[in-house]
Amino acid sequence: MHIEQLVATMSKDVFEKLKIAIETGKWLDGNPLSDEQKETVLQAILLYQAKIEQSEEHMTVNKEGKIVQKSRQELQNELKHEASKQSNIARFKENDF
Protein backbone atom coordinates (compact mmCIF):
# COMPACT_ATOMS: atom_id res chain seq x y z
CA MET A 1 0.00 0.00 0.00
CA HIS A 2 1.29 3.45 -0.91
CA ILE A 3 1.83 5.78 2.07
CA GLU A 4 -0.68 8.36 0.80
CA GLN A 5 -3.36 5.64 0.60
CA LEU A 6 -2.42 4.58 4.11
CA VAL A 7 -2.77 8.14 5.40
CA ALA A 8 -6.14 8.56 3.66
CA THR A 9 -7.50 5.53 5.53
CA MET A 10 -5.82 6.31 8.87
CA SER A 11 -8.13 7.03 11.82
CA LYS A 12 -7.56 9.90 14.27
CA ASP A 13 -6.84 7.32 16.98
CA VAL A 14 -4.06 5.69 14.94
CA PHE A 15 -2.64 9.13 14.15
CA GLU A 16 -2.50 9.99 17.87
CA LYS A 17 -0.78 6.68 18.69
CA LEU A 18 1.80 7.24 15.96
CA LYS A 19 2.36 10.76 17.24
CA ILE A 20 3.05 9.43 20.75
CA ALA A 21 5.39 6.80 19.32
CA ILE A 22 7.45 9.37 17.43
CA GLU A 23 7.54 11.74 20.43
CA THR A 24 8.73 9.03 22.84
CA GLY A 25 10.71 6.88 20.40
CA LYS A 26 8.77 3.84 21.61
CA TRP A 27 5.67 1.93 20.62
CA LEU A 28 2.87 1.81 23.18
CA ASP A 29 4.10 -1.62 24.32
CA GLY A 30 7.49 -0.10 25.20
CA ASN A 31 9.50 -1.48 22.27
CA PRO A 32 11.78 1.13 20.67
CA LEU A 33 11.20 2.32 17.11
CA SER A 34 13.92 1.42 14.60
CA ASP A 35 15.42 4.20 12.48
CA GLU A 36 13.37 3.00 9.51
CA GLN A 37 10.18 3.01 11.60
CA LYS A 38 10.91 6.52 12.88
CA GLU A 39 11.31 7.76 9.31
CA THR A 40 8.11 6.08 8.11
CA VAL A 41 6.03 7.13 11.12
CA LEU A 42 7.22 10.74 10.88
CA GLN A 43 6.37 10.80 7.17
CA ALA A 44 2.90 9.40 7.90
CA ILE A 45 2.31 11.97 10.66
CA LEU A 46 3.34 14.89 8.47
CA LEU A 47 1.18 13.66 5.58
CA TYR A 48 -1.80 13.15 7.89
CA GLN A 49 -1.41 16.66 9.30
CA ALA A 50 -1.17 18.13 5.81
CA LYS A 51 -3.87 16.16 4.02
CA ILE A 52 -6.41 15.14 6.67
CA GLU A 53 -6.06 17.23 9.82
CA GLN A 54 -5.00 20.43 8.05
CA SER A 55 -3.22 21.38 11.24
CA GLU A 56 -3.34 24.92 12.57
CA GLU A 57 -0.10 24.53 14.53
CA HIS A 58 2.54 27.23 14.20
CA MET A 59 4.73 25.00 12.02
CA THR A 60 3.28 22.28 9.83
CA VAL A 61 3.22 20.93 6.29
CA ASN A 62 0.53 22.11 3.86
CA LYS A 63 -1.29 20.06 1.21
CA GLU A 64 1.44 20.77 -1.34
CA GLY A 65 4.09 19.37 1.01
CA LYS A 66 5.64 22.74 1.86
CA ILE A 67 6.51 23.78 5.40
CA VAL A 68 4.25 26.54 6.73
CA GLN A 69 5.41 28.60 9.66
CA LYS A 70 3.11 31.21 11.16
CA SER A 71 4.39 34.47 12.53
CA ARG A 72 3.93 35.46 16.14
CA GLN A 73 1.30 38.01 15.11
CA GLU A 74 -0.69 35.38 13.19
CA LEU A 75 -0.66 33.07 16.21
CA GLN A 76 -1.76 35.87 18.56
CA ASN A 77 -4.61 36.80 16.20
CA GLU A 78 -5.78 33.18 16.05
CA LEU A 79 -5.71 32.89 19.83
CA LYS A 80 -7.70 36.11 20.23
CA HIS A 81 -10.22 34.89 17.67
CA GLU A 82 -10.59 31.51 19.41
CA ALA A 83 -10.96 33.19 22.80
CA SER A 84 -13.71 35.48 21.48
CA LYS A 85 -15.68 32.47 20.18
CA GLN A 86 -15.68 30.74 23.56
CA SER A 87 -18.47 31.48 26.00
CA ASN A 88 -17.77 33.28 29.24
CA ILE A 89 -16.64 31.20 32.18
CA ALA A 90 -18.59 31.51 35.41
CA ARG A 91 -16.38 32.93 38.14
CA PHE A 92 -17.03 32.48 41.85
CA LYS A 93 -15.47 33.80 45.01
CA GLU A 94 -14.36 31.51 47.80
CA ASN A 95 -17.42 32.24 49.98
CA ASP A 96 -20.06 31.94 47.22
CA PHE A 97 -20.79 28.31 48.11
PDB file of N, CA and C in Angstrom:
ATOM      1  N   MET A   1       0.851  -1.181   0.000  1.00  0.00           N
ATOM      2  CA  MET A   1       0.000   0.000   0.000  1.00  0.00           C
ATOM      3  C   MET A   1       0.893   1.239   0.000  1.00  0.00           C
ATOM      4  N   HIS A   2       0.565   2.193  -0.823  1.00  0.00           N
ATOM      5  CA  HIS A   2       1.295   3.454  -0.906  1.00  0.00           C
ATOM      6  C   HIS A   2       1.012   4.280   0.344  1.00  0.00           C
ATOM      7  N   ILE A   3       1.987   5.057   0.798  1.00  0.00           N
ATOM      8  CA  ILE A   3       1.835   5.781   2.068  1.00  0.00           C
ATOM      9  C   ILE A   3       0.691   6.785   2.031  1.00  0.00           C
ATOM     10  N   GLU A   4       0.430   7.407   0.874  1.00  0.00           N
ATOM     11  CA  GLU A   4      -0.680   8.361   0.797  1.00  0.00           C
ATOM     12  C   GLU A   4      -2.029   7.652   0.936  1.00  0.00           C
ATOM     13  N   GLN A   5      -2.134   6.420   0.422  1.00  0.00           N
ATOM     14  CA  GLN A   5      -3.358   5.636   0.603  1.00  0.00           C
ATOM     15  C   GLN A   5      -3.512   5.263   2.075  1.00  0.00           C
ATOM     16  N   LEU A   6      -2.407   4.925   2.699  1.00  0.00           N
ATOM     17  CA  LEU A   6      -2.416   4.579   4.114  1.00  0.00           C
ATOM     18  C   LEU A   6      -2.908   5.757   4.952  1.00  0.00           C
ATOM     19  N   VAL A   7      -2.386   6.942   4.658  1.00  0.00           N
ATOM     20  CA  VAL A   7      -2.771   8.141   5.405  1.00  0.00           C
ATOM     21  C   VAL A   7      -4.246   8.462   5.180  1.00  0.00           C
ATOM     22  N   ALA A   8      -4.734   8.271   3.966  1.00  0.00           N
ATOM     23  CA  ALA A   8      -6.145   8.556   3.661  1.00  0.00           C
ATOM     24  C   ALA A   8      -7.092   7.658   4.442  1.00  0.00           C
ATOM     25  N   THR A   9      -6.639   6.452   4.791  1.00  0.00           N
ATOM     26  CA  THR A   9      -7.498   5.528   5.533  1.00  0.00           C
ATOM     27  C   THR A   9      -7.201   5.514   7.031  1.00  0.00           C
ATOM     28  N   MET A  10      -6.229   6.298   7.465  1.00  0.00           N
ATOM     29  CA  MET A  10      -5.820   6.312   8.874  1.00  0.00           C
ATOM     30  C   MET A  10      -6.866   7.013   9.743  1.00  0.00           C
ATOM     31  N   SER A  11      -7.181   6.414  10.882  1.00  0.00           N
ATOM     32  CA  SER A  11      -8.131   7.034  11.816  1.00  0.00           C
ATOM     33  C   SER A  11      -7.388   8.037  12.704  1.00  0.00           C
ATOM     34  N   LYS A  12      -8.134   8.912  13.345  1.00  0.00           N
ATOM     35  CA  LYS A  12      -7.559   9.895  14.266  1.00  0.00           C
ATOM     36  C   LYS A  12      -6.858   9.189  15.420  1.00  0.00           C
ATOM     37  N   ASP A  13      -7.429   8.071  15.885  1.00  0.00           N
ATOM     38  CA  ASP A  13      -6.843   7.315  16.983  1.00  0.00           C
ATOM     39  C   ASP A  13      -5.466   6.765  16.599  1.00  0.00           C
ATOM     40  N   VAL A  14      -5.354   6.213  15.408  1.00  0.00           N
ATOM     41  CA  VAL A  14      -4.064   5.689  14.938  1.00  0.00           C
ATOM     42  C   VAL A  14      -3.065   6.831  14.809  1.00  0.00           C
ATOM     43  N   PHE A  15      -3.502   7.961  14.276  1.00  0.00           N
ATOM     44  CA  PHE A  15      -2.636   9.130  14.151  1.00  0.00           C
ATOM     45  C   PHE A  15      -2.077   9.538  15.514  1.00  0.00           C
ATOM     46  N   GLU A  16      -2.940   9.593  16.533  1.00  0.00           N
ATOM     47  CA  GLU A  16      -2.502   9.988  17.869  1.00  0.00           C
ATOM     48  C   GLU A  16      -1.495   8.990  18.437  1.00  0.00           C
ATOM     49  N   LYS A  17      -1.713   7.702  18.198  1.00  0.00           N
ATOM     50  CA  LYS A  17      -0.785   6.682  18.689  1.00  0.00           C
ATOM     51  C   LYS A  17       0.568   6.789  17.986  1.00  0.00           C
ATOM     52  N   LEU A  18       0.544   7.050  16.691  1.00  0.00           N
ATOM     53  CA  LEU A  18       1.803   7.239  15.957  1.00  0.00           C
ATOM     54  C   LEU A  18       2.539   8.489  16.436  1.00  0.00           C
ATOM     55  N   LYS A  19       1.775   9.520  16.746  1.00  0.00           N
ATOM     56  CA  LYS A  19       2.363  10.762  17.235  1.00  0.00           C
ATOM     57  C   LYS A  19       3.063  10.525  18.575  1.00  0.00           C
ATOM     58  N   ILE A  20       2.432   9.768  19.456  1.00  0.00           N
ATOM     59  CA  ILE A  20       3.046   9.433  20.748  1.00  0.00           C
ATOM     60  C   ILE A  20       4.308   8.603  20.527  1.00  0.00           C
ATOM     61  N   ALA A  21       4.235   7.663  19.594  1.00  0.00           N
ATOM     62  CA  ALA A  21       5.390   6.802  19.316  1.00  0.00           C
ATOM     63  C   ALA A  21       6.581   7.621  18.820  1.00  0.00           C
ATOM     64  N   ILE A  22       6.335   8.583  17.958  1.00  0.00           N
ATOM     65  CA  ILE A  22       7.453   9.373  17.426  1.00  0.00           C
ATOM     66  C   ILE A  22       7.978  10.340  18.488  1.00  0.00           C
ATOM     67  N   GLU A  23       7.107  10.824  19.363  1.00  0.00           N
ATOM     68  CA  GLU A  23       7.543  11.735  20.425  1.00  0.00           C
ATOM     69  C   GLU A  23       8.385  11.022  21.477  1.00  0.00           C
ATOM     70  N   THR A  24       8.023   9.770  21.789  1.00  0.00           N
ATOM     71  CA  THR A  24       8.726   9.029  22.837  1.00  0.00           C
ATOM     72  C   THR A  24       9.822   8.121  22.295  1.00  0.00           C
ATOM     73  N   GLY A  25       9.747   7.802  20.990  1.00  0.00           N
ATOM     74  CA  GLY A  25      10.714   6.881  20.403  1.00  0.00           C
ATOM     75  C   GLY A  25      10.392   5.433  20.699  1.00  0.00           C
ATOM     76  N   LYS A  26       9.184   5.198  21.243  1.00  0.00           N
ATOM     77  CA  LYS A  26       8.770   3.841  21.611  1.00  0.00           C
ATOM     78  C   LYS A  26       7.335   3.603  21.164  1.00  0.00           C
ATOM     79  N   TRP A  27       7.042   2.327  20.867  1.00  0.00           N
ATOM     80  CA  TRP A  27       5.669   1.926  20.622  1.00  0.00           C
ATOM     81  C   TRP A  27       4.941   1.892  21.964  1.00  0.00           C
ATOM     82  N   LEU A  28       3.642   1.811  21.939  1.00  0.00           N
ATOM     83  CA  LEU A  28       2.866   1.813  23.181  1.00  0.00           C
ATOM     84  C   LEU A  28       3.224   0.637  24.090  1.00  0.00           C
ATOM     85  N   ASP A  29       3.707  -0.466  23.509  1.00  0.00           N
ATOM     86  CA  ASP A  29       4.097  -1.620  24.323  1.00  0.00           C
ATOM     87  C   ASP A  29       5.503  -1.485  24.901  1.00  0.00           C
ATOM     88  N   GLY A  30       6.176  -0.363  24.628  1.00  0.00           N
ATOM     89  CA  GLY A  30       7.493  -0.101  25.197  1.00  0.00           C
ATOM     90  C   GLY A  30       8.666  -0.443  24.298  1.00  0.00           C
ATOM     91  N   ASN A  31       8.419  -1.137  23.196  1.00  0.00           N
ATOM     92  CA  ASN A  31       9.501  -1.476  22.275  1.00  0.00           C
ATOM     93  C   ASN A  31       9.965  -0.229  21.523  1.00  0.00           C
ATOM     94  N   PRO A  32      11.274  -0.056  21.368  1.00  0.00           N
ATOM     95  CA  PRO A  32      11.782   1.127  20.667  1.00  0.00           C
ATOM     96  C   PRO A  32      11.523   1.057  19.162  1.00  0.00           C
ATOM     97  N   LEU A  33      11.358   2.234  18.549  1.00  0.00           N
ATOM     98  CA  LEU A  33      11.205   2.318  17.106  1.00  0.00           C
ATOM     99  C   LEU A  33      12.583   2.200  16.466  1.00  0.00           C
ATOM    100  N   SER A  34      12.672   1.477  15.358  1.00  0.00           N
ATOM    101  CA  SER A  34      13.918   1.420  14.603  1.00  0.00           C
ATOM    102  C   SER A  34      14.052   2.728  13.813  1.00  0.00           C
ATOM    103  N   ASP A  35      15.222   2.985  13.272  1.00  0.00           N
ATOM    104  CA  ASP A  35      15.420   4.200  12.480  1.00  0.00           C
ATOM    105  C   ASP A  35      14.474   4.228  11.281  1.00  0.00           C
ATOM    106  N   GLU A  36      14.278   3.086  10.658  1.00  0.00           N
ATOM    107  CA  GLU A  36      13.373   2.998   9.511  1.00  0.00           C
ATOM    108  C   GLU A  36      11.931   3.285   9.938  1.00  0.00           C
ATOM    109  N   GLN A  37      11.530   2.755  11.093  1.00  0.00           N
ATOM    110  CA  GLN A  37      10.180   3.006  11.601  1.00  0.00           C
ATOM    111  C   GLN A  37       9.993   4.475  11.939  1.00  0.00           C
ATOM    112  N   LYS A  38      10.998   5.089  12.552  1.00  0.00           N
ATOM    113  CA  LYS A  38      10.914   6.518  12.878  1.00  0.00           C
ATOM    114  C   LYS A  38      10.683   7.340  11.617  1.00  0.00           C
ATOM    115  N   GLU A  39      11.431   7.024  10.577  1.00  0.00           N
ATOM    116  CA  GLU A  39      11.311   7.756   9.315  1.00  0.00           C
ATOM    117  C   GLU A  39       9.919   7.592   8.706  1.00  0.00           C
ATOM    118  N   THR A  40       9.420   6.357   8.690  1.00  0.00           N
ATOM    119  CA  THR A  40       8.111   6.081   8.106  1.00  0.00           C
ATOM    120  C   THR A  40       6.985   6.702   8.924  1.00  0.00           C
ATOM    121  N   VAL A  41       7.069   6.577  10.237  1.00  0.00           N
ATOM    122  CA  VAL A  41       6.033   7.127  11.116  1.00  0.00           C
ATOM    123  C   VAL A  41       6.005   8.651  11.009  1.00  0.00           C
ATOM    124  N   LEU A  42       7.165   9.285  10.998  1.00  0.00           N
ATOM    125  CA  LEU A  42       7.220  10.743  10.875  1.00  0.00           C
ATOM    126  C   LEU A  42       6.620  11.194   9.550  1.00  0.00           C
ATOM    127  N   GLN A  43       6.934  10.477   8.485  1.00  0.00           N
ATOM    128  CA  GLN A  43       6.371  10.805   7.174  1.00  0.00           C
ATOM    129  C   GLN A  43       4.849  10.672   7.197  1.00  0.00           C
ATOM    130  N   ALA A  44       4.349   9.614   7.814  1.00  0.00           N
ATOM    131  CA  ALA A  44       2.898   9.402   7.903  1.00  0.00           C
ATOM    132  C   ALA A  44       2.230  10.504   8.720  1.00  0.00           C
ATOM    133  N   ILE A  45       2.865  10.904   9.818  1.00  0.00           N
ATOM    134  CA  ILE A  45       2.313  11.973  10.661  1.00  0.00           C
ATOM    135  C   ILE A  45       2.239  13.282   9.895  1.00  0.00           C
ATOM    136  N   LEU A  46       3.318  13.641   9.218  1.00  0.00           N
ATOM    137  CA  LEU A  46       3.340  14.894   8.467  1.00  0.00           C
ATOM    138  C   LEU A  46       2.315  14.880   7.338  1.00  0.00           C
ATOM    139  N   LEU A  47       2.187  13.755   6.642  1.00  0.00           N
ATOM    140  CA  LEU A  47       1.177  13.657   5.581  1.00  0.00           C
ATOM    141  C   LEU A  47      -0.233  13.750   6.147  1.00  0.00           C
ATOM    142  N   TYR A  48      -0.483  13.089   7.271  1.00  0.00           N
ATOM    143  CA  TYR A  48      -1.802  13.148   7.891  1.00  0.00           C
ATOM    144  C   TYR A  48      -2.138  14.585   8.289  1.00  0.00           C
ATOM    145  N   GLN A  49      -1.177  15.266   8.906  1.00  0.00           N
ATOM    146  CA  GLN A  49      -1.410  16.655   9.303  1.00  0.00           C
ATOM    147  C   GLN A  49      -1.707  17.531   8.095  1.00  0.00           C
ATOM    148  N   ALA A  50      -1.004  17.301   7.009  1.00  0.00           N
ATOM    149  CA  ALA A  50      -1.171  18.127   5.813  1.00  0.00           C
ATOM    150  C   ALA A  50      -2.458  17.823   5.060  1.00  0.00           C
ATOM    151  N   LYS A  51      -2.758  16.548   4.881  1.00  0.00           N
ATOM    152  CA  LYS A  51      -3.872  16.159   4.016  1.00  0.00           C
ATOM    153  C   LYS A  51      -5.194  15.978   4.745  1.00  0.00           C
ATOM    154  N   ILE A  52      -5.168  15.466   5.959  1.00  0.00           N
ATOM    155  CA  ILE A  52      -6.410  15.142   6.669  1.00  0.00           C
ATOM    156  C   ILE A  52      -6.731  16.180   7.740  1.00  0.00           C
ATOM    157  N   GLU A  53      -5.812  16.356   8.670  1.00  0.00           N
ATOM    158  CA  GLU A  53      -6.059  17.226   9.821  1.00  0.00           C
ATOM    159  C   GLU A  53      -5.994  18.698   9.448  1.00  0.00           C
ATOM    160  N   GLN A  54      -5.238  19.034   8.442  1.00  0.00           N
ATOM    161  CA  GLN A  54      -5.002  20.428   8.045  1.00  0.00           C
ATOM    162  C   GLN A  54      -4.695  21.248   9.286  1.00  0.00           C
ATOM    163  N   SER A  55      -3.636  20.853   9.943  1.00  0.00           N
ATOM    164  CA  SER A  55      -3.225  21.377  11.238  1.00  0.00           C
ATOM    165  C   SER A  55      -3.083  22.900  11.251  1.00  0.00           C
ATOM    166  N   GLU A  56      -3.464  23.479  12.364  1.00  0.00           N
ATOM    167  CA  GLU A  56      -3.343  24.921  12.572  1.00  0.00           C
ATOM    168  C   GLU A  56      -2.168  25.250  13.481  1.00  0.00           C
ATOM    169  N   GLU A  57      -1.258  24.293  13.681  1.00  0.00           N
ATOM    170  CA  GLU A  57      -0.105  24.528  14.532  1.00  0.00           C
ATOM    171  C   GLU A  57       0.806  25.568  13.891  1.00  0.00           C
ATOM    172  N   HIS A  58       1.704  26.136  14.701  1.00  0.00           N
ATOM    173  CA  HIS A  58       2.541  27.226  14.202  1.00  0.00           C
ATOM    174  C   HIS A  58       3.507  26.781  13.113  1.00  0.00           C
ATOM    175  N   MET A  59       3.869  25.507  13.092  1.00  0.00           N
ATOM    176  CA  MET A  59       4.726  25.003  12.024  1.00  0.00           C
ATOM    177  C   MET A  59       4.205  23.642  11.607  1.00  0.00           C
ATOM    178  N   THR A  60       3.851  23.524  10.339  1.00  0.00           N
ATOM    179  CA  THR A  60       3.283  22.282   9.832  1.00  0.00           C
ATOM    180  C   THR A  60       3.590  22.162   8.350  1.00  0.00           C
ATOM    181  N   VAL A  61       3.044  21.154   7.721  1.00  0.00           N
ATOM    182  CA  VAL A  61       3.225  20.926   6.290  1.00  0.00           C
ATOM    183  C   VAL A  61       1.862  21.098   5.630  1.00  0.00           C
ATOM    184  N   ASN A  62       1.811  21.888   4.532  1.00  0.00           N
ATOM    185  CA  ASN A  62       0.534  22.107   3.857  1.00  0.00           C
ATOM    186  C   ASN A  62       0.247  21.002   2.847  1.00  0.00           C
ATOM    187  N   LYS A  63      -0.875  21.096   2.145  1.00  0.00           N
ATOM    188  CA  LYS A  63      -1.293  20.058   1.209  1.00  0.00           C
ATOM    189  C   LYS A  63      -0.293  19.836   0.084  1.00  0.00           C
ATOM    190  N   GLU A  64       0.452  20.870  -0.269  1.00  0.00           N
ATOM    191  CA  GLU A  64       1.437  20.767  -1.344  1.00  0.00           C
ATOM    192  C   GLU A  64       2.771  20.210  -0.850  1.00  0.00           C
ATOM    193  N   GLY A  65       2.854  19.926   0.459  1.00  0.00           N
ATOM    194  CA  GLY A  65       4.086  19.369   1.014  1.00  0.00           C
ATOM    195  C   GLY A  65       5.108  20.402   1.422  1.00  0.00           C
ATOM    196  N   LYS A  66       4.713  21.672   1.475  1.00  0.00           N
ATOM    197  CA  LYS A  66       5.638  22.736   1.859  1.00  0.00           C
ATOM    198  C   LYS A  66       5.456  23.077   3.338  1.00  0.00           C
ATOM    199  N   ILE A  67       6.559  23.419   3.992  1.00  0.00           N
ATOM    200  CA  ILE A  67       6.512  23.783   5.404  1.00  0.00           C
ATOM    201  C   ILE A  67       5.897  25.169   5.541  1.00  0.00           C
ATOM    202  N   VAL A  68       4.926  25.267   6.455  1.00  0.00           N
ATOM    203  CA  VAL A  68       4.253  26.536   6.728  1.00  0.00           C
ATOM    204  C   VAL A  68       4.578  26.922   8.156  1.00  0.00           C
ATOM    205  N   GLN A  69       5.103  28.113   8.322  1.00  0.00           N
ATOM    206  CA  GLN A  69       5.411  28.599   9.662  1.00  0.00           C
ATOM    207  C   GLN A  69       4.702  29.926   9.853  1.00  0.00           C
ATOM    208  N   LYS A  70       3.876  29.995  10.890  1.00  0.00           N
ATOM    209  CA  LYS A  70       3.109  31.209  11.155  1.00  0.00           C
ATOM    210  C   LYS A  70       3.929  32.168  11.996  1.00  0.00           C
ATOM    211  N   SER A  71       3.698  33.449  11.753  1.00  0.00           N
ATOM    212  CA  SER A  71       4.392  34.473  12.529  1.00  0.00           C
ATOM    213  C   SER A  71       3.755  34.590  13.912  1.00  0.00           C
ATOM    214  N   ARG A  72       4.446  35.253  14.789  1.00  0.00           N
ATOM    215  CA  ARG A  72       3.930  35.462  16.145  1.00  0.00           C
ATOM    216  C   ARG A  72       2.604  36.220  16.107  1.00  0.00           C
ATOM    217  N   GLN A  73       2.522  37.205  15.231  1.00  0.00           N
ATOM    218  CA  GLN A  73       1.301  38.010  15.109  1.00  0.00           C
ATOM    219  C   GLN A  73       0.129  37.150  14.634  1.00  0.00           C
ATOM    220  N   GLU A  74       0.370  36.266  13.673  1.00  0.00           N
ATOM    221  CA  GLU A  74      -0.695  35.384  13.193  1.00  0.00           C
ATOM    222  C   GLU A  74      -1.192  34.470  14.307  1.00  0.00           C
ATOM    223  N   LEU A  75      -0.275  33.933  15.094  1.00  0.00           N
ATOM    224  CA  LEU A  75      -0.664  33.072  16.209  1.00  0.00           C
ATOM    225  C   LEU A  75      -1.464  33.840  17.252  1.00  0.00           C
ATOM    226  N   GLN A  76      -1.028  35.060  17.578  1.00  0.00           N
ATOM    227  CA  GLN A  76      -1.760  35.869  18.557  1.00  0.00           C
ATOM    228  C   GLN A  76      -3.165  36.189  18.058  1.00  0.00           C
ATOM    229  N   ASN A  77      -3.297  36.513  16.766  1.00  0.00           N
ATOM    230  CA  ASN A  77      -4.612  36.804  16.199  1.00  0.00           C
ATOM    231  C   ASN A  77      -5.526  35.587  16.256  1.00  0.00           C
ATOM    232  N   GLU A  78      -4.975  34.392  15.971  1.00  0.00           N
ATOM    233  CA  GLU A  78      -5.776  33.178  16.051  1.00  0.00           C
ATOM    234  C   GLU A  78      -6.241  32.910  17.472  1.00  0.00           C
ATOM    235  N   LEU A  79      -5.345  33.105  18.435  1.00  0.00           N
ATOM    236  CA  LEU A  79      -5.714  32.891  19.832  1.00  0.00           C
ATOM    237  C   LEU A  79      -6.791  33.864  20.281  1.00  0.00           C
ATOM    238  N   LYS A  80      -6.684  35.118  19.885  1.00  0.00           N
ATOM    239  CA  LYS A  80      -7.703  36.108  20.227  1.00  0.00           C
ATOM    240  C   LYS A  80      -9.042  35.735  19.606  1.00  0.00           C
ATOM    241  N   HIS A  81      -8.993  35.279  18.360  1.00  0.00           N
ATOM    242  CA  HIS A  81     -10.220  34.892  17.666  1.00  0.00           C
ATOM    243  C   HIS A  81     -10.867  33.682  18.345  1.00  0.00           C
ATOM    244  N   GLU A  82     -10.072  32.691  18.708  1.00  0.00           N
ATOM    245  CA  GLU A  82     -10.585  31.508  19.407  1.00  0.00           C
ATOM    246  C   GLU A  82     -11.172  31.889  20.763  1.00  0.00           C
ATOM    247  N   ALA A  83     -10.494  32.777  21.486  1.00  0.00           N
ATOM    248  CA  ALA A  83     -10.965  33.194  22.803  1.00  0.00           C
ATOM    249  C   ALA A  83     -12.294  33.936  22.693  1.00  0.00           C
ATOM    250  N   SER A  84     -12.466  34.725  21.640  1.00  0.00           N
ATOM    251  CA  SER A  84     -13.708  35.482  21.482  1.00  0.00           C
ATOM    252  C   SER A  84     -14.884  34.573  21.127  1.00  0.00           C
ATOM    253  N   LYS A  85     -14.615  33.407  20.526  1.00  0.00           N
ATOM    254  CA  LYS A  85     -15.682  32.466  20.180  1.00  0.00           C
ATOM    255  C   LYS A  85     -16.159  31.668  21.382  1.00  0.00           C
ATOM    256  N   GLN A  86     -15.316  31.534  22.393  1.00  0.00           N
ATOM    257  CA  GLN A  86     -15.684  30.737  23.562  1.00  0.00           C
ATOM    258  C   GLN A  86     -16.625  31.535  24.447  1.00  0.00           C
ATOM    259  N   SER A  87     -17.521  30.809  25.109  1.00  0.00           N
ATOM    260  CA  SER A  87     -18.469  31.485  26.001  1.00  0.00           C
ATOM    261  C   SER A  87     -17.754  31.887  27.292  1.00  0.00           C
ATOM    262  N   ASN A  88     -18.359  32.812  27.987  1.00  0.00           N
ATOM    263  CA  ASN A  88     -17.769  33.280  29.243  1.00  0.00           C
ATOM    264  C   ASN A  88     -17.773  32.174  30.280  1.00  0.00           C
ATOM    265  N   ILE A  89     -16.767  32.185  31.109  1.00  0.00           N
ATOM    266  CA  ILE A  89     -16.641  31.204  32.180  1.00  0.00           C
ATOM    267  C   ILE A  89     -17.230  31.817  33.447  1.00  0.00           C
ATOM    268  N   ALA A  90     -18.032  31.029  34.152  1.00  0.00           N
ATOM    269  CA  ALA A  90     -18.592  31.512  35.413  1.00  0.00           C
ATOM    270  C   ALA A  90     -17.467  31.620  36.437  1.00  0.00           C
ATOM    271  N   ARG A  91     -17.414  32.724  37.136  1.00  0.00           N
ATOM    272  CA  ARG A  91     -16.376  32.932  38.138  1.00  0.00           C
ATOM    273  C   ARG A  91     -17.043  33.099  39.504  1.00  0.00           C
ATOM    274  N   PHE A  92     -16.487  32.451  40.506  1.00  0.00           N
ATOM    275  CA  PHE A  92     -17.033  32.481  41.851  1.00  0.00           C
ATOM    276  C   PHE A  92     -15.948  32.878  42.835  1.00  0.00           C
ATOM    277  N   LYS A  93     -16.393  33.485  43.923  1.00  0.00           N
ATOM    278  CA  LYS A  93     -15.473  33.797  45.005  1.00  0.00           C
ATOM    279  C   LYS A  93     -15.489  32.650  45.997  1.00  0.00           C
ATOM    280  N   GLU A  94     -14.530  32.615  46.843  1.00  0.00           N
ATOM    281  CA  GLU A  94     -14.362  31.514  47.800  1.00  0.00           C
ATOM    282  C   GLU A  94     -15.615  31.295  48.648  1.00  0.00           C
ATOM    283  N   ASN A  95     -16.283  32.355  49.063  1.00  0.00           N
ATOM    284  CA  ASN A  95     -17.420  32.242  49.983  1.00  0.00           C
ATOM    285  C   ASN A  95     -18.776  32.164  49.274  1.00  0.00           C
ATOM    286  N   ASP A  96     -18.788  32.004  47.972  1.00  0.00           N
ATOM    287  CA  ASP A  96     -20.059  31.936  47.217  1.00  0.00           C
ATOM    288  C   ASP A  96     -20.799  30.626  47.433  1.00  0.00           C
ATOM    289  N   PHE A  97     -20.136  29.615  47.936  1.00  0.00           N
ATOM    290  CA  PHE A  97     -20.786  28.310  48.109  1.00  0.00           C
ATOM    291  C   PHE A  97     -21.072  28.033  49.528  1.00  0.00           C
TER     292      PHE A  97
END
